[in-house]
PDB file of all heavy atoms in Angstrom:
ATOM      1  N   ARG A   1       7.379  10.430   5.849  1.00  0.00           N
ATOM      2  CA  ARG A   1       6.368   9.874   6.758  1.00  0.00           C
ATOM      3  C   ARG A   1       6.402   8.364   6.843  1.00  0.00           C
ATOM      4  O   ARG A   1       5.938   7.888   7.961  1.00  0.00           O
ATOM      5  CB  ARG A   1       4.977  10.297   6.382  1.00  0.00           C
ATOM      6  CG  ARG A   1       4.680  11.805   6.216  1.00  0.00           C
ATOM      7  CD  ARG A   1       3.171  12.036   5.865  1.00  0.00           C
ATOM      8  NE  ARG A   1       2.350  11.549   7.046  1.00  0.00           N
ATOM      9  CZ  ARG A   1       1.886  12.276   8.010  1.00  0.00           C
ATOM     10  NH1 ARG A   1       2.386  13.692   8.095  1.00  0.00           N
ATOM     11  NH2 ARG A   1       1.217  11.902   8.973  1.00  0.00           N
ATOM     12  N   GLY A   2       7.035   7.790   5.921  1.00  0.00           N
ATOM     13  CA  GLY A   2       7.078   6.312   5.946  1.00  0.00           C
ATOM     14  C   GLY A   2       8.310   5.853   5.184  1.00  0.00           C
ATOM     15  O   GLY A   2       8.379   5.552   4.030  1.00  0.00           O
ATOM     16  N   PRO A   3       9.544   5.502   5.912  1.00  0.00           N
ATOM     17  CA  PRO A   3      10.769   5.205   5.275  1.00  0.00           C
ATOM     18  C   PRO A   3      10.866   3.656   4.959  1.00  0.00           C
ATOM     19  O   PRO A   3      11.743   3.157   4.382  1.00  0.00           O
ATOM     20  CB  PRO A   3      11.812   5.526   6.226  1.00  0.00           C
ATOM     21  CG  PRO A   3      11.136   5.452   7.654  1.00  0.00           C
ATOM     22  CD  PRO A   3       9.714   5.874   7.391  1.00  0.00           C
ATOM     23  N   ASP A   4       9.867   2.761   5.518  1.00  0.00           N
ATOM     24  CA  ASP A   4      10.020   1.283   5.573  1.00  0.00           C
ATOM     25  C   ASP A   4       9.507   0.672   4.350  1.00  0.00           C
ATOM     26  O   ASP A   4      10.009  -0.383   3.928  1.00  0.00           O
ATOM     27  CB  ASP A   4       9.357   0.710   6.781  1.00  0.00           C
ATOM     28  CG  ASP A   4      10.129   1.104   8.008  1.00  0.00           C
ATOM     29  OD1 ASP A   4      11.237   1.360   8.090  1.00  0.00           O
ATOM     30  OD2 ASP A   4       9.421   1.417   9.081  1.00  0.00           O
ATOM     31  N   ASP A   5       8.502   1.378   3.632  1.00  0.00           N
ATOM     32  CA  ASP A   5       7.929   0.652   2.426  1.00  0.00           C
ATOM     33  C   ASP A   5       7.009   1.687   1.763  1.00  0.00           C
ATOM     34  O   ASP A   5       6.651   2.662   2.265  1.00  0.00           O
ATOM     35  CB  ASP A   5       6.981  -0.418   2.906  1.00  0.00           C
ATOM     36  CG  ASP A   5       6.581  -1.512   1.683  1.00  0.00           C
ATOM     37  OD1 ASP A   5       7.193  -1.248   0.679  1.00  0.00           O
ATOM     38  OD2 ASP A   5       5.629  -2.236   2.051  1.00  0.00           O
ATOM     39  N   GLU A   6       6.771   1.317   0.488  1.00  0.00           N
ATOM     40  CA  GLU A   6       5.788   2.242  -0.351  1.00  0.00           C
ATOM     41  C   GLU A   6       5.063   1.355  -1.341  1.00  0.00           C
ATOM     42  O   GLU A   6       5.382   0.170  -1.497  1.00  0.00           O
ATOM     43  CB  GLU A   6       6.725   3.325  -0.994  1.00  0.00           C
ATOM     44  CG  GLU A   6       7.715   2.657  -2.050  1.00  0.00           C
ATOM     45  CD  GLU A   6       8.387   3.672  -2.814  1.00  0.00           C
ATOM     46  OE1 GLU A   6       7.804   4.499  -3.597  1.00  0.00           O
ATOM     47  OE2 GLU A   6       9.757   3.806  -2.618  1.00  0.00           O
ATOM     48  N   GLY A   7       3.930   1.889  -1.734  1.00  0.00           N
ATOM     49  CA  GLY A   7       3.145   1.176  -2.609  1.00  0.00           C
ATOM     50  C   GLY A   7       2.094   2.055  -3.258  1.00  0.00           C
ATOM     51  O   GLY A   7       1.834   3.256  -2.832  1.00  0.00           O
ATOM     52  N   GLU A   8       1.627   1.691  -4.597  1.00  0.00           N
ATOM     53  CA  GLU A   8       0.635   2.403  -5.411  1.00  0.00           C
ATOM     54  C   GLU A   8      -0.280   1.519  -5.822  1.00  0.00           C
ATOM     55  O   GLU A   8      -0.030   0.328  -6.211  1.00  0.00           O
ATOM     56  CB  GLU A   8       1.307   3.224  -6.475  1.00  0.00           C
ATOM     57  CG  GLU A   8       2.372   4.127  -6.046  1.00  0.00           C
ATOM     58  CD  GLU A   8       3.089   4.872  -7.175  1.00  0.00           C
ATOM     59  OE1 GLU A   8       2.829   4.368  -8.362  1.00  0.00           O
ATOM     60  OE2 GLU A   8       4.054   5.549  -7.000  1.00  0.00           O
ATOM     61  N   PHE A   9      -1.576   1.986  -5.980  1.00  0.00           N
ATOM     62  CA  PHE A   9      -2.509   1.395  -6.827  1.00  0.00           C
ATOM     63  C   PHE A   9      -3.102   2.374  -7.806  1.00  0.00           C
ATOM     64  O   PHE A   9      -3.529   3.498  -7.367  1.00  0.00           O
ATOM     65  CB  PHE A   9      -3.777   0.789  -5.774  1.00  0.00           C
ATOM     66  CG  PHE A   9      -4.955   0.329  -6.691  1.00  0.00           C
ATOM     67  CD1 PHE A   9      -4.963  -0.897  -7.253  1.00  0.00           C
ATOM     68  CD2 PHE A   9      -6.068   1.287  -6.961  1.00  0.00           C
ATOM     69  CE1 PHE A   9      -6.070  -1.347  -7.998  1.00  0.00           C
ATOM     70  CE2 PHE A   9      -7.133   0.836  -7.634  1.00  0.00           C
ATOM     71  CZ  PHE A   9      -7.156  -0.428  -8.173  1.00  0.00           C
ATOM     72  N   PHE A  10      -3.140   2.096  -9.032  1.00  0.00           N
ATOM     73  CA  PHE A  10      -3.705   2.966 -10.053  1.00  0.00           C
ATOM     74  C   PHE A  10      -4.532   2.309 -11.115  1.00  0.00           C
ATOM     75  O   PHE A  10      -4.240   1.157 -11.573  1.00  0.00           O
ATOM     76  CB  PHE A  10      -2.528   3.597 -10.858  1.00  0.00           C
ATOM     77  CG  PHE A  10      -2.898   4.612 -11.894  1.00  0.00           C
ATOM     78  CD1 PHE A  10      -3.398   5.819 -11.539  1.00  0.00           C
ATOM     79  CD2 PHE A  10      -2.792   4.204 -13.169  1.00  0.00           C
ATOM     80  CE1 PHE A  10      -3.788   6.771 -12.596  1.00  0.00           C
ATOM     81  CE2 PHE A  10      -3.251   5.086 -14.250  1.00  0.00           C
ATOM     82  CZ  PHE A  10      -3.699   6.235 -13.979  1.00  0.00           C
ATOM     83  N   ASP A  11      -5.746   2.693 -11.327  1.00  0.00           N
ATOM     84  CA  ASP A  11      -6.635   2.215 -12.091  1.00  0.00           C
ATOM     85  C   ASP A  11      -7.160   3.197 -13.073  1.00  0.00           C
ATOM     86  O   ASP A  11      -8.014   4.048 -12.782  1.00  0.00           O
ATOM     87  CB  ASP A  11      -7.858   1.594 -11.367  1.00  0.00           C
ATOM     88  CG  ASP A  11      -8.918   0.800 -12.302  1.00  0.00           C
ATOM     89  OD1 ASP A  11      -8.778   0.972 -13.523  1.00  0.00           O
ATOM     90  OD2 ASP A  11      -9.811   0.073 -11.767  1.00  0.00           O
ATOM     91  N   ASP A  12      -6.568   3.309 -14.279  1.00  0.00           N
ATOM     92  CA  ASP A  12      -6.789   4.313 -15.231  1.00  0.00           C
ATOM     93  C   ASP A  12      -8.244   4.409 -15.570  1.00  0.00           C
ATOM     94  O   ASP A  12      -8.816   5.396 -15.833  1.00  0.00           O
ATOM     95  CB  ASP A  12      -6.037   4.268 -16.352  1.00  0.00           C
ATOM     96  CG  ASP A  12      -6.001   5.327 -17.396  1.00  0.00           C
ATOM     97  OD1 ASP A  12      -6.157   6.478 -16.917  1.00  0.00           O
ATOM     98  OD2 ASP A  12      -6.000   5.215 -18.523  1.00  0.00           O
ATOM     99  N   GLU A  13      -8.897   3.270 -15.739  1.00  0.00           N
ATOM    100  CA  GLU A  13     -10.299   3.061 -16.279  1.00  0.00           C
ATOM    101  C   GLU A  13     -11.271   3.777 -15.166  1.00  0.00           C
ATOM    102  O   GLU A  13     -12.160   4.463 -15.787  1.00  0.00           O
ATOM    103  CB  GLU A  13     -10.723   1.656 -16.580  1.00  0.00           C
ATOM    104  CG  GLU A  13     -12.021   1.364 -17.099  1.00  0.00           C
ATOM    105  CD  GLU A  13     -12.379   0.046 -17.278  1.00  0.00           C
ATOM    106  OE1 GLU A  13     -11.459  -0.926 -17.359  1.00  0.00           O
ATOM    107  OE2 GLU A  13     -13.458  -0.373 -17.549  1.00  0.00           O
ATOM    108  N   SER A  14     -11.010   3.517 -13.935  1.00  0.00           N
ATOM    109  CA  SER A  14     -11.875   4.115 -12.979  1.00  0.00           C
ATOM    110  C   SER A  14     -11.427   5.451 -12.499  1.00  0.00           C
ATOM    111  O   SER A  14     -12.139   6.114 -11.863  1.00  0.00           O
ATOM    112  CB  SER A  14     -11.922   3.074 -11.700  1.00  0.00           C
ATOM    113  OG  SER A  14     -12.432   1.823 -12.130  1.00  0.00           O
ATOM    114  N   GLY A  15     -10.288   5.827 -12.863  1.00  0.00           N
ATOM    115  CA  GLY A  15      -9.737   7.153 -12.464  1.00  0.00           C
ATOM    116  C   GLY A  15      -9.490   7.009 -10.950  1.00  0.00           C
ATOM    117  O   GLY A  15      -9.643   8.167 -10.242  1.00  0.00           O
ATOM    118  N   ILE A  16      -8.853   5.980 -10.417  1.00  0.00           N
ATOM    119  CA  ILE A  16      -8.497   5.852  -8.959  1.00  0.00           C
ATOM    120  C   ILE A  16      -6.997   5.743  -8.757  1.00  0.00           C
ATOM    121  O   ILE A  16      -6.356   4.973  -9.449  1.00  0.00           O
ATOM    122  CB  ILE A  16      -9.208   4.776  -8.410  1.00  0.00           C
ATOM    123  CG1 ILE A  16     -10.732   4.895  -8.342  1.00  0.00           C
ATOM    124  CG2 ILE A  16      -8.765   4.542  -6.912  1.00  0.00           C
ATOM    125  CD1 ILE A  16     -11.139   6.122  -7.448  1.00  0.00           C
ATOM    126  N   GLY A  17      -6.517   6.561  -7.964  1.00  0.00           N
ATOM    127  CA  GLY A  17      -5.070   6.365  -7.553  1.00  0.00           C
ATOM    128  C   GLY A  17      -4.850   6.387  -6.077  1.00  0.00           C
ATOM    129  O   GLY A  17      -5.485   7.267  -5.420  1.00  0.00           O
ATOM    130  N   LEU A  18      -4.125   5.403  -5.536  1.00  0.00           N
ATOM    131  CA  LEU A  18      -3.902   5.296  -4.101  1.00  0.00           C
ATOM    132  C   LEU A  18      -2.362   5.244  -3.899  1.00  0.00           C
ATOM    133  O   LEU A  18      -1.749   4.383  -4.506  1.00  0.00           O
ATOM    134  CB  LEU A  18      -4.609   4.253  -3.459  1.00  0.00           C
ATOM    135  CG  LEU A  18      -6.135   4.054  -3.667  1.00  0.00           C
ATOM    136  CD1 LEU A  18      -6.684   2.813  -3.082  1.00  0.00           C
ATOM    137  CD2 LEU A  18      -6.931   5.285  -3.037  1.00  0.00           C
ATOM    138  N   ALA A  19      -1.817   6.055  -3.031  1.00  0.00           N
ATOM    139  CA  ALA A  19      -0.315   5.923  -2.763  1.00  0.00           C
ATOM    140  C   ALA A  19      -0.179   5.896  -1.205  1.00  0.00           C
ATOM    141  O   ALA A  19      -0.841   6.459  -0.491  1.00  0.00           O
ATOM    142  CB  ALA A  19       0.481   7.118  -3.235  1.00  0.00           C
ATOM    143  N   PHE A  20       0.916   4.955  -0.861  1.00  0.00           N
ATOM    144  CA  PHE A  20       1.210   4.888   0.598  1.00  0.00           C
ATOM    145  C   PHE A  20       2.696   4.843   0.870  1.00  0.00           C
ATOM    146  O   PHE A  20       3.352   4.340   0.082  1.00  0.00           O
ATOM    147  CB  PHE A  20       0.565   3.464   1.052  1.00  0.00           C
ATOM    148  CG  PHE A  20       0.733   3.201   2.455  1.00  0.00           C
ATOM    149  CD1 PHE A  20       0.010   3.793   3.545  1.00  0.00           C
ATOM    150  CD2 PHE A  20       1.601   2.144   2.791  1.00  0.00           C
ATOM    151  CE1 PHE A  20       0.183   3.448   4.740  1.00  0.00           C
ATOM    152  CE2 PHE A  20       1.873   1.771   4.296  1.00  0.00           C
ATOM    153  CZ  PHE A  20       1.009   2.547   5.239  1.00  0.00           C
ATOM    154  N   ARG A  21       2.897   5.453   2.009  1.00  0.00           N
ATOM    155  CA  ARG A  21       4.263   5.412   2.690  1.00  0.00           C
ATOM    156  C   ARG A  21       4.235   4.773   3.999  1.00  0.00           C
ATOM    157  O   ARG A  21       3.453   5.373   4.869  1.00  0.00           O
ATOM    158  CB  ARG A  21       4.941   6.744   2.587  1.00  0.00           C
ATOM    159  CG  ARG A  21       5.168   7.352   1.149  1.00  0.00           C
ATOM    160  CD  ARG A  21       6.451   6.702   0.515  1.00  0.00           C
ATOM    161  NE  ARG A  21       6.590   7.257  -0.685  1.00  0.00           N
ATOM    162  CZ  ARG A  21       7.949   7.112  -1.355  1.00  0.00           C
ATOM    163  NH1 ARG A  21       8.922   6.487  -0.779  1.00  0.00           N
ATOM    164  NH2 ARG A  21       8.108   7.653  -2.619  1.00  0.00           N
ATOM    165  N   ARG A  22       5.058   3.769   4.244  1.00  0.00           N
ATOM    166  CA  ARG A  22       4.804   2.981   5.536  1.00  0.00           C
ATOM    167  C   ARG A  22       5.986   3.173   6.465  1.00  0.00           C
ATOM    168  O   ARG A  22       7.192   3.121   6.177  1.00  0.00           O
ATOM    169  CB  ARG A  22       4.779   1.374   5.114  1.00  0.00           C
ATOM    170  CG  ARG A  22       4.515   0.652   6.343  1.00  0.00           C
ATOM    171  CD  ARG A  22       4.579  -0.842   6.031  1.00  0.00           C
ATOM    172  NE  ARG A  22       4.037  -1.604   7.136  1.00  0.00           N
ATOM    173  CZ  ARG A  22       4.258  -2.913   7.321  1.00  0.00           C
ATOM    174  NH1 ARG A  22       5.021  -3.556   6.348  1.00  0.00           N
ATOM    175  NH2 ARG A  22       3.883  -3.573   8.235  1.00  0.00           N
ATOM    176  N   LEU A  23       5.504   3.496   7.754  1.00  0.00           N
ATOM    177  CA  LEU A  23       6.345   3.346   8.966  1.00  0.00           C
ATOM    178  C   LEU A  23       5.924   2.109   9.658  1.00  0.00           C
ATOM    179  O   LEU A  23       4.894   2.196  10.256  1.00  0.00           O
ATOM    180  CB  LEU A  23       6.318   4.582   9.769  1.00  0.00           C
ATOM    181  CG  LEU A  23       7.159   4.567  11.126  1.00  0.00           C
ATOM    182  CD1 LEU A  23       8.623   4.426  10.796  1.00  0.00           C
ATOM    183  CD2 LEU A  23       6.865   5.642  12.058  1.00  0.00           C
ATOM    184  N   ALA A  24       6.685   1.035   9.606  1.00  0.00           N
ATOM    185  CA  ALA A  24       6.211  -0.268  10.133  1.00  0.00           C
ATOM    186  C   ALA A  24       6.166  -0.378  11.581  1.00  0.00           C
ATOM    187  O   ALA A  24       7.175  -0.135  12.287  1.00  0.00           O
ATOM    188  CB  ALA A  24       7.041  -1.342   9.545  1.00  0.00           C
ATOM    189  N   ILE A  25       4.916  -0.606  12.187  1.00  0.00           N
ATOM    190  CA  ILE A  25       4.760  -0.628  13.641  1.00  0.00           C
ATOM    191  C   ILE A  25       4.223  -2.060  14.059  1.00  0.00           C
ATOM    192  O   ILE A  25       4.735  -2.679  14.968  1.00  0.00           O
ATOM    193  CB  ILE A  25       3.889   0.431  14.233  1.00  0.00           C
ATOM    194  CG1 ILE A  25       4.483   1.786  13.962  1.00  0.00           C
ATOM    195  CG2 ILE A  25       3.727   0.336  15.685  1.00  0.00           C
ATOM    196  CD1 ILE A  25       5.770   2.145  14.546  1.00  0.00           C
ATOM    197  N   ILE A  26       3.132  -2.478  13.292  1.00  0.00           N
ATOM    198  CA  ILE A  26       2.629  -3.637  13.509  1.00  0.00           C
ATOM    199  C   ILE A  26       2.767  -4.584  12.300  1.00  0.00           C
ATOM    200  O   ILE A  26       2.428  -4.167  11.165  1.00  0.00           O
ATOM    201  CB  ILE A  26       1.089  -3.505  13.832  1.00  0.00           C
ATOM    202  CG1 ILE A  26       0.883  -2.739  15.123  1.00  0.00           C
ATOM    203  CG2 ILE A  26       0.376  -4.990  13.926  1.00  0.00           C
ATOM    204  CD1 ILE A  26      -0.539  -2.475  15.456  1.00  0.00           C
ATOM    205  N   ASP A  27       3.266  -5.843  12.461  1.00  0.00           N
ATOM    206  CA  ASP A  27       3.469  -6.845  11.439  1.00  0.00           C
ATOM    207  C   ASP A  27       4.458  -6.258  10.537  1.00  0.00           C
ATOM    208  O   ASP A  27       4.142  -5.543   9.351  1.00  0.00           O
ATOM    209  CB  ASP A  27       2.178  -7.181  10.720  1.00  0.00           C
ATOM    210  CG  ASP A  27       2.373  -8.401   9.710  1.00  0.00           C
ATOM    211  OD1 ASP A  27       3.582  -8.865   9.494  1.00  0.00           O
ATOM    212  OD2 ASP A  27       1.550  -8.925   9.166  1.00  0.00           O
ATOM    213  N   LEU A  28       5.726  -6.406  10.702  1.00  0.00           N
ATOM    214  CA  LEU A  28       6.676  -5.721  10.006  1.00  0.00           C
ATOM    215  C   LEU A  28       7.004  -6.523   8.660  1.00  0.00           C
ATOM    216  O   LEU A  28       7.884  -6.095   7.815  1.00  0.00           O
ATOM    217  CB  LEU A  28       8.135  -5.746  10.772  1.00  0.00           C
ATOM    218  CG  LEU A  28       7.881  -5.168  12.220  1.00  0.00           C
ATOM    219  CD1 LEU A  28       9.323  -5.130  12.861  1.00  0.00           C
ATOM    220  CD2 LEU A  28       7.201  -3.827  12.217  1.00  0.00           C
ATOM    221  N   SER A  29       6.272  -7.565   8.355  1.00  0.00           N
ATOM    222  CA  SER A  29       6.705  -8.486   7.257  1.00  0.00           C
ATOM    223  C   SER A  29       6.081  -7.692   6.054  1.00  0.00           C
ATOM    224  O   SER A  29       5.087  -6.820   6.185  1.00  0.00           O
ATOM    225  CB  SER A  29       6.041  -9.869   7.452  1.00  0.00           C
ATOM    226  OG  SER A  29       4.610  -9.703   7.372  1.00  0.00           O
ATOM    227  N   PRO A  30       6.360  -8.359   4.878  1.00  0.00           N
ATOM    228  CA  PRO A  30       5.701  -7.875   3.639  1.00  0.00           C
ATOM    229  C   PRO A  30       4.221  -8.030   3.674  1.00  0.00           C
ATOM    230  O   PRO A  30       3.413  -7.518   2.788  1.00  0.00           O
ATOM    231  CB  PRO A  30       6.350  -8.752   2.604  1.00  0.00           C
ATOM    232  CG  PRO A  30       7.667  -9.171   3.058  1.00  0.00           C
ATOM    233  CD  PRO A  30       7.391  -9.188   4.594  1.00  0.00           C
ATOM    234  N   LEU A  31       3.594  -8.860   4.545  1.00  0.00           N
ATOM    235  CA  LEU A  31       2.091  -9.061   4.523  1.00  0.00           C
ATOM    236  C   LEU A  31       1.423  -7.776   5.065  1.00  0.00           C
ATOM    237  O   LEU A  31       0.230  -7.756   5.050  1.00  0.00           O
ATOM    238  CB  LEU A  31       1.806 -10.271   5.439  1.00  0.00           C
ATOM    239  CG  LEU A  31       2.306 -11.618   4.880  1.00  0.00           C
ATOM    240  CD1 LEU A  31       2.029 -12.714   5.940  1.00  0.00           C
ATOM    241  CD2 LEU A  31       1.692 -11.917   3.524  1.00  0.00           C
ATOM    242  N   GLY A  32       2.231  -6.835   5.608  1.00  0.00           N
ATOM    243  CA  GLY A  32       1.605  -5.476   5.930  1.00  0.00           C
ATOM    244  C   GLY A  32       1.737  -4.607   4.838  1.00  0.00           C
ATOM    245  O   GLY A  32       1.333  -3.445   5.157  1.00  0.00           O
ATOM    246  N   HIS A  33       2.173  -4.923   3.649  1.00  0.00           N
ATOM    247  CA  HIS A  33       2.292  -3.926   2.630  1.00  0.00           C
ATOM    248  C   HIS A  33       1.034  -3.344   2.237  1.00  0.00           C
ATOM    249  O   HIS A  33      -0.092  -3.972   2.165  1.00  0.00           O
ATOM    250  CB  HIS A  33       2.989  -4.658   1.336  1.00  0.00           C
ATOM    251  CG  HIS A  33       2.996  -3.841   0.135  1.00  0.00           C
ATOM    252  ND1 HIS A  33       3.985  -2.908   0.034  1.00  0.00           N
ATOM    253  CD2 HIS A  33       2.251  -3.691  -0.971  1.00  0.00           C
ATOM    254  CE1 HIS A  33       3.874  -2.298  -1.245  1.00  0.00           C
ATOM    255  NE2 HIS A  33       2.759  -2.735  -1.734  1.00  0.00           N
ATOM    256  N   GLN A  34       1.016  -2.042   1.816  1.00  0.00           N
ATOM    257  CA  GLN A  34      -0.125  -1.391   1.341  1.00  0.00           C
ATOM    258  C   GLN A  34       0.210  -0.541   0.041  1.00  0.00           C
ATOM    259  O   GLN A  34       1.443  -0.409  -0.194  1.00  0.00           O
ATOM    260  CB  GLN A  34      -0.508  -0.241   2.353  1.00  0.00           C
ATOM    261  CG  GLN A  34      -1.069  -0.829   3.715  1.00  0.00           C
ATOM    262  CD  GLN A  34      -1.528   0.234   4.553  1.00  0.00           C
ATOM    263  OE1 GLN A  34      -2.320   1.219   4.155  1.00  0.00           O
ATOM    264  NE2 GLN A  34      -1.285   0.240   5.761  1.00  0.00           N
ATOM    265  N   PRO A  35      -0.757  -0.280  -0.802  1.00  0.00           N
ATOM    266  CA  PRO A  35      -2.210  -0.675  -0.731  1.00  0.00           C
ATOM    267  C   PRO A  35      -2.425  -2.140  -0.502  1.00  0.00           C
ATOM    268  O   PRO A  35      -1.752  -2.886  -1.139  1.00  0.00           O
ATOM    269  CB  PRO A  35      -2.845  -0.102  -1.925  1.00  0.00           C
ATOM    270  CG  PRO A  35      -1.842   0.998  -2.434  1.00  0.00           C
ATOM    271  CD  PRO A  35      -0.486   0.479  -2.024  1.00  0.00           C
ATOM    272  N   MET A  36      -3.443  -2.575   0.314  1.00  0.00           N
ATOM    273  CA  MET A  36      -3.769  -3.850   0.432  1.00  0.00           C
ATOM    274  C   MET A  36      -5.062  -4.163  -0.099  1.00  0.00           C
ATOM    275  O   MET A  36      -6.060  -3.413  -0.149  1.00  0.00           O
ATOM    276  CB  MET A  36      -3.916  -4.191   2.052  1.00  0.00           C
ATOM    277  CG  MET A  36      -4.027  -5.615   2.307  1.00  0.00           C
ATOM    278  SD  MET A  36      -4.017  -5.937   4.215  1.00  0.00           S
ATOM    279  CE  MET A  36      -2.408  -5.607   4.629  1.00  0.00           C
ATOM    280  N   SER A  37      -5.141  -5.312  -0.838  1.00  0.00           N
ATOM    281  CA  SER A  37      -6.350  -5.666  -1.549  1.00  0.00           C
ATOM    282  C   SER A  37      -6.987  -6.914  -1.142  1.00  0.00           C
ATOM    283  O   SER A  37      -6.405  -7.827  -0.485  1.00  0.00           O
ATOM    284  CB  SER A  37      -5.874  -5.889  -3.057  1.00  0.00           C
ATOM    285  OG  SER A  37      -5.234  -4.830  -3.576  1.00  0.00           O
ATOM    286  N   SER A  38      -8.352  -7.072  -1.304  1.00  0.00           N
ATOM    287  CA  SER A  38      -9.104  -8.145  -0.912  1.00  0.00           C
ATOM    288  C   SER A  38      -8.664  -9.449  -1.777  1.00  0.00           C
ATOM    289  O   SER A  38      -8.163  -9.218  -2.906  1.00  0.00           O
ATOM    290  CB  SER A  38     -10.687  -7.861  -1.057  1.00  0.00           C
ATOM    291  OG  SER A  38     -10.934  -7.559  -2.405  1.00  0.00           O
ATOM    292  N   ALA A  39      -9.119 -10.665  -1.485  1.00  0.00           N
ATOM    293  CA  ALA A  39      -8.738 -11.716  -2.187  1.00  0.00           C
ATOM    294  C   ALA A  39      -9.099 -11.733  -3.550  1.00  0.00           C
ATOM    295  O   ALA A  39      -8.457 -12.230  -4.534  1.00  0.00           O
ATOM    296  CB  ALA A  39      -9.226 -12.954  -1.442  1.00  0.00           C
ATOM    297  N   ASP A  40     -10.325 -11.116  -3.879  1.00  0.00           N
ATOM    298  CA  ASP A  40     -10.864 -11.064  -5.199  1.00  0.00           C
ATOM    299  C   ASP A  40     -10.495  -9.856  -5.911  1.00  0.00           C
ATOM    300  O   ASP A  40     -10.807  -9.711  -7.184  1.00  0.00           O
ATOM    301  CB  ASP A  40     -12.364 -11.122  -5.211  1.00  0.00           C
ATOM    302  CG  ASP A  40     -13.018  -9.965  -4.384  1.00  0.00           C
ATOM    303  OD1 ASP A  40     -12.338  -8.960  -4.051  1.00  0.00           O
ATOM    304  OD2 ASP A  40     -14.325 -10.029  -4.125  1.00  0.00           O
TER     305      ASP A  40
END
């Protein structure tokens, strides 16, 4: 589903896992990488 990029977020303490596969359409730069996090 997404050959252009991949990423994961895993927090063992909270029991949360997020995985993403990217097909880049808007903002092809690394700044569009996911999972994306807030500044804090």
